[in-house]
Amino acid sequence: MSDKDDETPVIPLREAPGERAAWGRSPLVIAAWMLVEWLLVTNAVQPSSRIRIAALRAFGATIGDGVIFRQRTRVKFPWNLEVGDDCWIGEGVWFHNQDRVVVGHDVVISQETFITTGSHAHRRNMALITRPVVIEPGAWVTSRCIVTGGVTLGRSCLVSPGAVVMKDVPAGRIVAGNPGQDAGARFQPQPKRG
């Protein structure tokens, strides 16, 4: 190690403000949810979307009609989740929602996508920082994407496979890459019929 390395500060994690501030429920409710999530939501051999949705609603999630929740879905805090009508949530989607996640109607969130509302004050004390995520109607977040806190995905936008989205995506646009960059319009203009 050089002398310069010794001068670089280290944040003592023991002193970092904990995540319990984001829980929003008692430790008993958190423990009950962890058990129910493991048995009924995340469980790959539990095939029923209806049972998954009933469990989420029982713990405070707002979920519209016609929603499909596939196996292996994870939801950190169901009371911070709102999903509109006719949405498809793919296998292995993870809502790490320490803050609100609001999903509009007719949204597709494909396999293995990770949506997180939390981060840390990495330059100060590693305190938890949360910001909501909003996914507007008609958006499609394709497989294995990451969407971070504070982002709004605009109406009918498309997030390409593996994209990392750290800023808002305008309506009708495609975002691709890491970090996510604009990749054009999702829909082509239709010629006017005369």
N, C-alpha and C. Protein backbone atom coordinates (compact mmCIF):
# COMPACT_ATOMS: atom_id res chain seq x y z
N MET A 1 0.84 -1.20 0.00
CA MET A 1 0.00 0.00 0.00
C MET A 1 0.87 1.25 0.00
N SER A 2 0.43 2.23 -0.74
CA SER A 2 1.17 3.48 -0.76
C SER A 2 0.65 4.40 0.35
N ASP A 3 1.43 5.44 0.66
CA ASP A 3 0.99 6.42 1.66
C ASP A 3 -0.30 7.09 1.22
N LYS A 4 -0.44 7.27 -0.08
CA LYS A 4 -1.64 7.93 -0.61
C LYS A 4 -2.89 7.09 -0.30
N ASP A 5 -2.80 5.75 -0.40
CA ASP A 5 -3.92 4.88 -0.08
C ASP A 5 -4.34 5.04 1.38
N ASP A 6 -3.38 5.23 2.28
CA ASP A 6 -3.68 5.38 3.69
C ASP A 6 -4.47 6.66 3.98
N GLU A 7 -4.41 7.65 3.09
CA GLU A 7 -5.10 8.92 3.29
C GLU A 7 -6.53 8.90 2.77
N THR A 8 -6.88 7.89 1.99
CA THR A 8 -8.24 7.80 1.46
C THR A 8 -9.17 7.38 2.59
N PRO A 9 -10.25 8.18 2.83
CA PRO A 9 -11.13 7.86 3.96
C PRO A 9 -11.92 6.58 3.75
N VAL A 10 -12.28 5.96 4.87
CA VAL A 10 -13.16 4.80 4.89
C VAL A 10 -14.35 5.17 5.76
N ILE A 11 -15.55 4.97 5.24
CA ILE A 11 -16.76 5.27 6.01
C ILE A 11 -17.05 4.08 6.92
N PRO A 12 -17.12 4.31 8.23
CA PRO A 12 -17.42 3.21 9.16
C PRO A 12 -18.88 2.77 9.03
N LEU A 13 -19.10 1.61 8.46
CA LEU A 13 -20.46 1.14 8.20
C LEU A 13 -21.25 0.89 9.48
N ARG A 14 -20.56 0.60 10.56
CA ARG A 14 -21.23 0.40 11.85
C ARG A 14 -22.01 1.65 12.26
N GLU A 15 -21.55 2.82 11.82
CA GLU A 15 -22.18 4.08 12.19
C GLU A 15 -23.18 4.58 11.14
N ALA A 16 -23.31 3.88 10.02
CA ALA A 16 -24.23 4.30 8.95
C ALA A 16 -25.67 4.20 9.42
N PRO A 17 -26.47 5.24 9.14
CA PRO A 17 -27.89 5.16 9.48
C PRO A 17 -28.52 3.96 8.79
N GLY A 18 -29.26 3.14 9.54
CA GLY A 18 -29.80 1.88 9.05
C GLY A 18 -31.00 2.02 8.15
N GLU A 19 -31.39 0.90 7.59
CA GLU A 19 -32.50 0.89 6.64
C GLU A 19 -33.86 0.80 7.33
N ARG A 20 -33.90 0.57 8.61
CA ARG A 20 -35.19 0.43 9.29
C ARG A 20 -36.08 1.66 9.11
N ALA A 21 -35.48 2.80 8.84
CA ALA A 21 -36.28 4.01 8.61
C ALA A 21 -37.19 3.84 7.40
N ALA A 22 -36.81 2.97 6.45
CA ALA A 22 -37.61 2.77 5.24
C ALA A 22 -38.62 1.63 5.39
N TRP A 23 -38.61 0.92 6.50
CA TRP A 23 -39.48 -0.24 6.63
C TRP A 23 -40.95 0.11 6.54
N GLY A 24 -41.36 1.11 7.25
CA GLY A 24 -42.76 1.51 7.21
C GLY A 24 -43.72 0.58 7.94
N ARG A 25 -43.21 -0.47 8.55
CA ARG A 25 -44.01 -1.42 9.31
C ARG A 25 -43.16 -1.96 10.46
N SER A 26 -43.82 -2.63 11.39
CA SER A 26 -43.12 -3.18 12.56
C SER A 26 -42.26 -4.37 12.15
N PRO A 27 -41.25 -4.71 12.96
CA PRO A 27 -40.45 -5.90 12.67
C PRO A 27 -41.28 -7.18 12.55
N LEU A 28 -42.38 -7.28 13.31
CA LEU A 28 -43.25 -8.45 13.23
C LEU A 28 -43.90 -8.55 11.85
N VAL A 29 -44.39 -7.43 11.32
CA VAL A 29 -45.00 -7.41 9.98
C VAL A 29 -43.95 -7.73 8.92
N ILE A 30 -42.76 -7.18 9.09
CA ILE A 30 -41.67 -7.46 8.14
C ILE A 30 -41.36 -8.96 8.13
N ALA A 31 -41.27 -9.58 9.30
CA ALA A 31 -40.99 -11.01 9.39
C ALA A 31 -42.12 -11.83 8.76
N ALA A 32 -43.36 -11.45 9.03
CA ALA A 32 -44.50 -12.15 8.43
C ALA A 32 -44.46 -12.04 6.91
N TRP A 33 -44.17 -10.84 6.40
CA TRP A 33 -44.09 -10.67 4.96
C TRP A 33 -42.97 -11.53 4.37
N MET A 34 -41.83 -11.59 5.01
CA MET A 34 -40.71 -12.39 4.49
C MET A 34 -41.13 -13.86 4.34
N LEU A 35 -41.87 -14.38 5.29
CA LEU A 35 -42.33 -15.77 5.23
C LEU A 35 -43.36 -15.95 4.10
N VAL A 36 -44.34 -15.06 4.03
CA VAL A 36 -45.37 -15.14 2.99
C VAL A 36 -44.75 -14.98 1.60
N GLU A 37 -43.82 -14.04 1.47
CA GLU A 37 -43.16 -13.84 0.18
C GLU A 37 -42.43 -15.12 -0.24
N TRP A 38 -41.71 -15.72 0.67
CA TRP A 38 -40.95 -16.93 0.37
C TRP A 38 -41.87 -18.08 -0.03
N LEU A 39 -42.99 -18.24 0.68
CA LEU A 39 -43.90 -19.35 0.42
C LEU A 39 -44.77 -19.15 -0.83
N LEU A 40 -45.28 -17.92 -1.02
CA LEU A 40 -46.32 -17.71 -2.02
C LEU A 40 -45.93 -16.84 -3.21
N VAL A 41 -44.93 -16.00 -3.07
CA VAL A 41 -44.60 -15.07 -4.16
C VAL A 41 -43.34 -15.49 -4.89
N THR A 42 -42.26 -15.64 -4.18
CA THR A 42 -40.97 -15.97 -4.79
C THR A 42 -40.88 -17.45 -5.18
N ASN A 43 -41.63 -18.27 -4.52
CA ASN A 43 -41.57 -19.72 -4.69
C ASN A 43 -41.81 -20.14 -6.15
N ALA A 44 -40.82 -20.76 -6.77
CA ALA A 44 -40.88 -21.16 -8.18
C ALA A 44 -41.88 -22.28 -8.43
N VAL A 45 -42.22 -23.07 -7.42
CA VAL A 45 -43.16 -24.18 -7.62
C VAL A 45 -44.60 -23.79 -7.28
N GLN A 46 -44.83 -22.57 -6.87
CA GLN A 46 -46.18 -22.08 -6.63
C GLN A 46 -46.63 -21.39 -7.93
N PRO A 47 -47.47 -22.03 -8.75
CA PRO A 47 -47.74 -21.53 -10.10
C PRO A 47 -48.81 -20.44 -10.21
N SER A 48 -49.57 -20.17 -9.17
CA SER A 48 -50.75 -19.31 -9.29
C SER A 48 -50.45 -17.83 -9.14
N SER A 49 -50.71 -17.09 -10.20
CA SER A 49 -50.60 -15.63 -10.15
C SER A 49 -51.63 -15.06 -9.18
N ARG A 50 -52.81 -15.65 -9.12
CA ARG A 50 -53.86 -15.17 -8.22
C ARG A 50 -53.44 -15.24 -6.76
N ILE A 51 -52.79 -16.34 -6.38
CA ILE A 51 -52.32 -16.47 -5.00
C ILE A 51 -51.24 -15.43 -4.72
N ARG A 52 -50.33 -15.24 -5.67
CA ARG A 52 -49.28 -14.24 -5.51
C ARG A 52 -49.89 -12.85 -5.29
N ILE A 53 -50.84 -12.51 -6.13
CA ILE A 53 -51.49 -11.19 -6.03
C ILE A 53 -52.26 -11.06 -4.73
N ALA A 54 -52.96 -12.10 -4.32
CA ALA A 54 -53.70 -12.06 -3.04
C ALA A 54 -52.75 -11.81 -1.87
N ALA A 55 -51.60 -12.48 -1.88
CA ALA A 55 -50.61 -12.28 -0.80
C ALA A 55 -50.10 -10.84 -0.80
N LEU A 56 -49.79 -10.31 -1.98
CA LEU A 56 -49.31 -8.93 -2.07
C LEU A 56 -50.36 -7.95 -1.58
N ARG A 57 -51.60 -8.14 -2.01
CA ARG A 57 -52.70 -7.25 -1.56
C ARG A 57 -52.91 -7.34 -0.05
N ALA A 58 -52.80 -8.55 0.50
CA ALA A 58 -53.00 -8.72 1.95
C ALA A 58 -51.98 -7.92 2.75
N PHE A 59 -50.82 -7.65 2.15
CA PHE A 59 -49.79 -6.86 2.84
C PHE A 59 -49.72 -5.43 2.33
N GLY A 60 -50.77 -4.96 1.64
CA GLY A 60 -50.88 -3.54 1.33
C GLY A 60 -50.58 -3.11 -0.08
N ALA A 61 -50.21 -4.02 -0.98
CA ALA A 61 -49.98 -3.63 -2.37
C ALA A 61 -51.32 -3.27 -3.03
N THR A 62 -51.27 -2.31 -3.93
CA THR A 62 -52.43 -1.97 -4.74
C THR A 62 -52.19 -2.55 -6.12
N ILE A 63 -53.01 -3.53 -6.50
CA ILE A 63 -52.81 -4.23 -7.77
C ILE A 63 -54.15 -4.25 -8.51
N GLY A 64 -54.12 -3.79 -9.75
CA GLY A 64 -55.34 -3.70 -10.56
C GLY A 64 -55.81 -5.05 -11.06
N ASP A 65 -56.83 -5.00 -11.90
CA ASP A 65 -57.42 -6.20 -12.49
C ASP A 65 -56.60 -6.68 -13.68
N GLY A 66 -56.64 -7.98 -13.93
CA GLY A 66 -55.98 -8.54 -15.11
C GLY A 66 -54.47 -8.56 -15.05
N VAL A 67 -53.90 -8.48 -13.87
CA VAL A 67 -52.44 -8.47 -13.71
C VAL A 67 -51.93 -9.90 -13.60
N ILE A 68 -50.81 -10.16 -14.26
CA ILE A 68 -50.13 -11.46 -14.18
C ILE A 68 -48.81 -11.25 -13.46
N PHE A 69 -48.59 -12.00 -12.38
CA PHE A 69 -47.32 -12.01 -11.65
C PHE A 69 -46.74 -13.41 -11.77
N ARG A 70 -45.63 -13.56 -12.47
CA ARG A 70 -45.01 -14.87 -12.66
C ARG A 70 -44.21 -15.28 -11.42
N GLN A 71 -43.73 -16.53 -11.44
CA GLN A 71 -42.96 -17.08 -10.33
C GLN A 71 -41.65 -16.31 -10.11
N ARG A 72 -41.11 -16.51 -8.93
CA ARG A 72 -39.82 -15.99 -8.49
C ARG A 72 -39.78 -14.46 -8.39
N THR A 73 -40.95 -13.81 -8.41
CA THR A 73 -40.99 -12.37 -8.23
C THR A 73 -40.66 -12.04 -6.78
N ARG A 74 -39.92 -10.95 -6.58
CA ARG A 74 -39.60 -10.50 -5.22
C ARG A 74 -40.13 -9.08 -5.04
N VAL A 75 -40.70 -8.82 -3.87
CA VAL A 75 -41.19 -7.49 -3.52
C VAL A 75 -40.72 -7.19 -2.11
N LYS A 76 -39.85 -6.20 -1.98
CA LYS A 76 -39.28 -5.86 -0.68
C LYS A 76 -40.38 -5.45 0.31
N PHE A 77 -41.17 -4.44 -0.07
CA PHE A 77 -42.22 -3.93 0.79
C PHE A 77 -43.50 -3.76 -0.03
N PRO A 78 -44.45 -4.71 0.05
CA PRO A 78 -45.64 -4.63 -0.79
C PRO A 78 -46.46 -3.36 -0.58
N TRP A 79 -46.43 -2.78 0.61
CA TRP A 79 -47.17 -1.55 0.88
C TRP A 79 -46.62 -0.36 0.09
N ASN A 80 -45.47 -0.53 -0.57
CA ASN A 80 -44.90 0.53 -1.42
C ASN A 80 -45.07 0.22 -2.90
N LEU A 81 -45.97 -0.70 -3.25
CA LEU A 81 -46.14 -1.11 -4.65
C LEU A 81 -47.55 -0.83 -5.12
N GLU A 82 -47.65 -0.18 -6.29
CA GLU A 82 -48.93 0.06 -6.95
C GLU A 82 -48.80 -0.37 -8.40
N VAL A 83 -49.65 -1.28 -8.84
CA VAL A 83 -49.62 -1.80 -10.21
C VAL A 83 -51.00 -1.62 -10.82
N GLY A 84 -51.05 -0.99 -11.99
CA GLY A 84 -52.32 -0.75 -12.67
C GLY A 84 -52.86 -2.00 -13.35
N ASP A 85 -54.01 -1.85 -14.01
CA ASP A 85 -54.68 -2.96 -14.68
C ASP A 85 -53.86 -3.53 -15.83
N ASP A 86 -54.07 -4.83 -16.08
CA ASP A 86 -53.58 -5.51 -17.29
C ASP A 86 -52.07 -5.44 -17.48
N CYS A 87 -51.32 -5.56 -16.40
CA CYS A 87 -49.86 -5.56 -16.46
C CYS A 87 -49.34 -7.00 -16.44
N TRP A 88 -48.17 -7.20 -17.00
CA TRP A 88 -47.48 -8.49 -16.97
C TRP A 88 -46.17 -8.30 -16.25
N ILE A 89 -45.97 -9.03 -15.18
CA ILE A 89 -44.72 -8.99 -14.41
C ILE A 89 -44.04 -10.34 -14.60
N GLY A 90 -42.87 -10.35 -15.25
CA GLY A 90 -42.20 -11.59 -15.63
C GLY A 90 -41.48 -12.29 -14.49
N GLU A 91 -41.06 -13.51 -14.79
CA GLU A 91 -40.34 -14.33 -13.82
C GLU A 91 -39.09 -13.63 -13.31
N GLY A 92 -38.90 -13.69 -12.01
CA GLY A 92 -37.67 -13.19 -11.42
C GLY A 92 -37.56 -11.68 -11.32
N VAL A 93 -38.64 -10.94 -11.59
CA VAL A 93 -38.58 -9.48 -11.42
C VAL A 93 -38.43 -9.19 -9.93
N TRP A 94 -37.58 -8.21 -9.62
CA TRP A 94 -37.34 -7.84 -8.23
C TRP A 94 -37.65 -6.37 -8.03
N PHE A 95 -38.69 -6.11 -7.22
CA PHE A 95 -39.03 -4.75 -6.80
C PHE A 95 -38.34 -4.53 -5.45
N HIS A 96 -37.19 -3.90 -5.45
CA HIS A 96 -36.50 -3.57 -4.21
C HIS A 96 -36.97 -2.17 -3.82
N ASN A 97 -38.22 -2.11 -3.36
CA ASN A 97 -38.95 -0.85 -3.23
C ASN A 97 -39.00 -0.33 -1.80
N GLN A 98 -37.92 0.28 -1.39
CA GLN A 98 -37.88 0.94 -0.10
C GLN A 98 -38.63 2.27 -0.14
N ASP A 99 -39.00 2.69 -1.33
CA ASP A 99 -39.84 3.85 -1.59
C ASP A 99 -40.92 3.37 -2.55
N ARG A 100 -41.82 4.24 -2.94
CA ARG A 100 -42.94 3.87 -3.82
C ARG A 100 -42.45 3.44 -5.20
N VAL A 101 -43.06 2.38 -5.72
CA VAL A 101 -42.96 2.03 -7.13
C VAL A 101 -44.38 2.03 -7.66
N VAL A 102 -44.63 2.89 -8.65
CA VAL A 102 -45.96 3.03 -9.24
C VAL A 102 -45.86 2.60 -10.70
N VAL A 103 -46.65 1.58 -11.04
CA VAL A 103 -46.65 1.01 -12.39
C VAL A 103 -48.03 1.28 -12.99
N GLY A 104 -48.06 1.98 -14.13
CA GLY A 104 -49.33 2.29 -14.80
C GLY A 104 -49.94 1.06 -15.43
N HIS A 105 -51.06 1.24 -16.08
CA HIS A 105 -51.77 0.12 -16.73
C HIS A 105 -51.05 -0.31 -18.01
N ASP A 106 -51.26 -1.57 -18.38
CA ASP A 106 -50.73 -2.14 -19.63
C ASP A 106 -49.20 -2.04 -19.73
N VAL A 107 -48.53 -2.26 -18.63
CA VAL A 107 -47.06 -2.24 -18.57
C VAL A 107 -46.56 -3.67 -18.56
N VAL A 108 -45.45 -3.91 -19.26
CA VAL A 108 -44.76 -5.19 -19.20
C VAL A 108 -43.41 -4.97 -18.54
N ILE A 109 -43.11 -5.75 -17.50
CA ILE A 109 -41.79 -5.77 -16.89
C ILE A 109 -41.29 -7.20 -17.04
N SER A 110 -40.30 -7.38 -17.89
CA SER A 110 -39.87 -8.72 -18.30
C SER A 110 -38.88 -9.34 -17.32
N GLN A 111 -38.53 -10.58 -17.60
CA GLN A 111 -37.77 -11.46 -16.74
C GLN A 111 -36.48 -10.83 -16.19
N GLU A 112 -36.28 -11.10 -14.89
CA GLU A 112 -35.03 -10.77 -14.19
C GLU A 112 -34.74 -9.27 -14.08
N THR A 113 -35.72 -8.42 -14.34
CA THR A 113 -35.50 -6.98 -14.20
C THR A 113 -35.45 -6.61 -12.71
N PHE A 114 -34.59 -5.65 -12.39
CA PHE A 114 -34.39 -5.19 -11.02
C PHE A 114 -34.76 -3.72 -10.95
N ILE A 115 -35.76 -3.40 -10.11
CA ILE A 115 -36.19 -2.02 -9.91
C ILE A 115 -35.89 -1.67 -8.46
N THR A 116 -35.02 -0.68 -8.27
CA THR A 116 -34.61 -0.32 -6.92
C THR A 116 -34.87 1.15 -6.65
N THR A 117 -35.37 1.44 -5.48
CA THR A 117 -35.62 2.83 -5.10
C THR A 117 -34.58 3.34 -4.10
N GLY A 118 -33.65 2.48 -3.70
CA GLY A 118 -32.71 2.86 -2.65
C GLY A 118 -31.28 2.97 -3.14
N SER A 119 -30.56 3.83 -2.49
CA SER A 119 -29.12 3.97 -2.69
C SER A 119 -28.53 4.47 -1.37
N HIS A 120 -27.30 4.94 -1.41
CA HIS A 120 -26.64 5.39 -0.17
C HIS A 120 -25.89 6.69 -0.39
N ALA A 121 -25.78 7.46 0.66
CA ALA A 121 -25.00 8.71 0.65
C ALA A 121 -23.52 8.32 0.69
N HIS A 122 -23.00 7.93 -0.45
CA HIS A 122 -21.67 7.32 -0.52
C HIS A 122 -20.52 8.29 -0.25
N ARG A 123 -20.77 9.58 -0.29
CA ARG A 123 -19.71 10.56 -0.02
C ARG A 123 -19.73 11.04 1.44
N ARG A 124 -20.79 10.69 2.18
CA ARG A 124 -20.91 11.16 3.55
C ARG A 124 -20.82 10.02 4.56
N ASN A 125 -21.99 9.37 4.78
CA ASN A 125 -22.06 8.40 5.88
C ASN A 125 -22.75 7.10 5.49
N MET A 126 -22.96 6.87 4.21
CA MET A 126 -23.64 5.68 3.69
C MET A 126 -25.09 5.56 4.17
N ALA A 127 -25.69 6.68 4.56
CA ALA A 127 -27.10 6.67 4.97
C ALA A 127 -27.96 6.26 3.78
N LEU A 128 -29.06 5.58 4.06
CA LEU A 128 -30.00 5.17 3.03
C LEU A 128 -30.67 6.40 2.42
N ILE A 129 -30.73 6.43 1.10
CA ILE A 129 -31.44 7.47 0.36
C ILE A 129 -32.46 6.75 -0.51
N THR A 130 -33.72 7.15 -0.43
CA THR A 130 -34.73 6.52 -1.27
C THR A 130 -35.43 7.56 -2.14
N ARG A 131 -35.78 7.12 -3.36
CA ARG A 131 -36.55 7.95 -4.28
C ARG A 131 -37.49 7.03 -5.06
N PRO A 132 -38.72 7.47 -5.32
CA PRO A 132 -39.68 6.60 -5.99
C PRO A 132 -39.34 6.35 -7.46
N VAL A 133 -39.95 5.30 -8.01
CA VAL A 133 -39.87 4.99 -9.43
C VAL A 133 -41.30 5.00 -9.97
N VAL A 134 -41.49 5.65 -11.12
CA VAL A 134 -42.79 5.69 -11.78
C VAL A 134 -42.63 5.11 -13.18
N ILE A 135 -43.47 4.14 -13.50
CA ILE A 135 -43.48 3.53 -14.84
C ILE A 135 -44.86 3.82 -15.42
N GLU A 136 -44.90 4.69 -16.43
CA GLU A 136 -46.17 5.15 -16.97
C GLU A 136 -46.83 4.10 -17.88
N PRO A 137 -48.13 4.26 -18.12
CA PRO A 137 -48.87 3.27 -18.90
C PRO A 137 -48.21 2.94 -20.25
N GLY A 138 -48.29 1.64 -20.59
CA GLY A 138 -47.82 1.17 -21.89
C GLY A 138 -46.34 0.93 -22.01
N ALA A 139 -45.57 1.21 -20.96
CA ALA A 139 -44.11 1.02 -21.03
C ALA A 139 -43.78 -0.47 -21.06
N TRP A 140 -42.65 -0.78 -21.69
CA TRP A 140 -42.15 -2.16 -21.69
C TRP A 140 -40.71 -2.12 -21.22
N VAL A 141 -40.46 -2.69 -20.06
CA VAL A 141 -39.11 -2.85 -19.52
C VAL A 141 -38.73 -4.29 -19.84
N THR A 142 -37.84 -4.48 -20.80
CA THR A 142 -37.52 -5.83 -21.26
C THR A 142 -36.63 -6.54 -20.25
N SER A 143 -36.11 -7.70 -20.62
CA SER A 143 -35.43 -8.57 -19.67
C SER A 143 -34.10 -8.02 -19.15
N ARG A 144 -33.84 -8.34 -17.89
CA ARG A 144 -32.58 -8.06 -17.19
C ARG A 144 -32.16 -6.59 -17.21
N CYS A 145 -33.12 -5.72 -17.05
CA CYS A 145 -32.84 -4.29 -16.96
C CYS A 145 -32.69 -3.90 -15.49
N ILE A 146 -32.09 -2.72 -15.27
CA ILE A 146 -32.00 -2.13 -13.94
C ILE A 146 -32.58 -0.73 -14.05
N VAL A 147 -33.52 -0.41 -13.16
CA VAL A 147 -34.12 0.92 -13.09
C VAL A 147 -33.87 1.44 -11.69
N THR A 148 -33.27 2.63 -11.58
CA THR A 148 -32.88 3.16 -10.27
C THR A 148 -33.85 4.21 -9.76
N GLY A 149 -33.74 4.50 -8.47
CA GLY A 149 -34.61 5.45 -7.80
C GLY A 149 -34.62 6.82 -8.43
N GLY A 150 -35.80 7.44 -8.41
CA GLY A 150 -35.97 8.78 -8.95
C GLY A 150 -36.31 8.81 -10.42
N VAL A 151 -36.39 7.65 -11.07
CA VAL A 151 -36.62 7.59 -12.51
C VAL A 151 -38.11 7.51 -12.81
N THR A 152 -38.51 8.21 -13.88
CA THR A 152 -39.83 8.04 -14.47
C THR A 152 -39.64 7.51 -15.88
N LEU A 153 -40.27 6.37 -16.15
CA LEU A 153 -40.28 5.81 -17.50
C LEU A 153 -41.56 6.28 -18.15
N GLY A 154 -41.43 7.06 -19.22
CA GLY A 154 -42.57 7.70 -19.86
C GLY A 154 -43.51 6.73 -20.54
N ARG A 155 -44.67 7.24 -20.84
CA ARG A 155 -45.75 6.48 -21.48
C ARG A 155 -45.24 5.75 -22.72
N SER A 156 -45.47 4.44 -22.77
CA SER A 156 -45.14 3.59 -23.91
C SER A 156 -43.68 3.64 -24.34
N CYS A 157 -42.78 3.96 -23.41
CA CYS A 157 -41.36 3.86 -23.74
C CYS A 157 -40.95 2.39 -23.72
N LEU A 158 -39.75 2.10 -24.21
CA LEU A 158 -39.24 0.73 -24.22
C LEU A 158 -37.81 0.76 -23.70
N VAL A 159 -37.53 -0.08 -22.72
CA VAL A 159 -36.18 -0.20 -22.18
C VAL A 159 -35.60 -1.50 -22.74
N SER A 160 -34.54 -1.39 -23.53
CA SER A 160 -33.94 -2.53 -24.23
C SER A 160 -33.29 -3.50 -23.24
N PRO A 161 -33.14 -4.78 -23.64
CA PRO A 161 -32.56 -5.78 -22.73
C PRO A 161 -31.22 -5.36 -22.15
N GLY A 162 -31.10 -5.52 -20.84
CA GLY A 162 -29.86 -5.24 -20.14
C GLY A 162 -29.56 -3.77 -19.90
N ALA A 163 -30.47 -2.88 -20.25
CA ALA A 163 -30.23 -1.45 -20.06
C ALA A 163 -30.22 -1.09 -18.57
N VAL A 164 -29.42 -0.08 -18.23
CA VAL A 164 -29.37 0.47 -16.88
C VAL A 164 -29.90 1.89 -16.97
N VAL A 165 -31.06 2.12 -16.35
CA VAL A 165 -31.75 3.41 -16.48
C VAL A 165 -31.59 4.20 -15.20
N MET A 166 -30.88 5.33 -15.32
CA MET A 166 -30.63 6.18 -14.14
C MET A 166 -31.20 7.58 -14.31
N LYS A 167 -31.89 7.82 -15.44
CA LYS A 167 -32.55 9.11 -15.64
C LYS A 167 -33.85 8.88 -16.39
N ASP A 168 -34.73 9.86 -16.36
CA ASP A 168 -36.05 9.73 -16.96
C ASP A 168 -35.96 9.38 -18.44
N VAL A 169 -36.95 8.61 -18.90
CA VAL A 169 -37.07 8.25 -20.31
C VAL A 169 -38.36 8.90 -20.82
N PRO A 170 -38.27 9.71 -21.88
CA PRO A 170 -39.48 10.36 -22.40
C PRO A 170 -40.48 9.37 -23.00
N ALA A 171 -41.70 9.79 -23.09
CA ALA A 171 -42.76 8.96 -23.68
C ALA A 171 -42.39 8.54 -25.09
N GLY A 172 -42.68 7.27 -25.41
CA GLY A 172 -42.51 6.77 -26.76
C GLY A 172 -41.08 6.57 -27.23
N ARG A 173 -40.12 6.67 -26.34
CA ARG A 173 -38.71 6.54 -26.73
C ARG A 173 -38.17 5.17 -26.32
N ILE A 174 -37.09 4.75 -26.97
CA ILE A 174 -36.37 3.54 -26.63
C ILE A 174 -35.08 3.95 -25.95
N VAL A 175 -34.72 3.27 -24.87
CA VAL A 175 -33.45 3.50 -24.19
C VAL A 175 -32.68 2.18 -24.19
N ALA A 176 -31.35 2.29 -24.43
CA ALA A 176 -30.52 1.08 -24.50
C ALA A 176 -29.16 1.37 -23.88
N GLY A 177 -28.51 0.31 -23.38
CA GLY A 177 -27.13 0.41 -22.92
C GLY A 177 -26.97 0.70 -21.45
N ASN A 178 -25.68 0.83 -21.06
CA ASN A 178 -25.29 1.13 -19.69
C ASN A 178 -24.20 2.20 -19.72
N PRO A 179 -24.53 3.41 -19.33
CA PRO A 179 -25.84 3.89 -18.88
C PRO A 179 -26.80 4.01 -20.05
N GLY A 180 -28.11 3.95 -19.75
CA GLY A 180 -29.13 4.01 -20.78
C GLY A 180 -29.05 5.29 -21.59
N GLN A 181 -29.11 5.13 -22.90
CA GLN A 181 -29.08 6.27 -23.83
C GLN A 181 -30.26 6.16 -24.79
N ASP A 182 -30.72 7.29 -25.29
CA ASP A 182 -31.83 7.29 -26.24
C ASP A 182 -31.43 6.53 -27.50
N ALA A 183 -32.28 5.62 -27.95
CA ALA A 183 -32.00 4.82 -29.14
C ALA A 183 -33.09 4.97 -30.19
N GLY A 184 -33.87 6.04 -30.10
CA GLY A 184 -34.88 6.31 -31.12
C GLY A 184 -36.29 6.18 -30.62
N ALA A 185 -37.20 6.32 -31.57
CA ALA A 185 -38.63 6.25 -31.27
C ALA A 185 -39.09 4.80 -31.26
N ARG A 186 -40.01 4.48 -30.36
CA ARG A 186 -40.56 3.14 -30.32
C ARG A 186 -41.51 2.90 -31.49
N PHE A 187 -42.32 3.86 -31.81
CA PHE A 187 -43.31 3.71 -32.87
C PHE A 187 -42.95 4.61 -34.04
N GLN A 188 -43.16 4.08 -35.23
CA GLN A 188 -42.93 4.85 -36.45
C GLN A 188 -44.22 5.60 -36.78
N PRO A 189 -44.09 6.83 -37.26
CA PRO A 189 -45.32 7.58 -37.64
C PRO A 189 -46.04 6.85 -38.78
N GLN A 190 -47.33 6.81 -38.69
CA GLN A 190 -48.14 6.18 -39.73
C GLN A 190 -48.49 7.22 -40.79
N PRO A 191 -48.37 6.80 -42.07
CA PRO A 191 -48.70 7.77 -43.14
C PRO A 191 -50.19 8.12 -43.08
N LYS A 192 -50.46 9.36 -43.38
CA LYS A 192 -51.87 9.81 -43.40
C LYS A 192 -52.54 9.29 -44.66
N ARG A 193 -53.75 8.83 -44.46
CA ARG A 193 -54.52 8.35 -45.60
C ARG A 193 -55.38 9.49 -46.12
N GLY A 194 -55.32 9.68 -47.38
CA GLY A 194 -56.01 10.82 -47.95
C GLY A 194 -57.20 10.47 -48.66
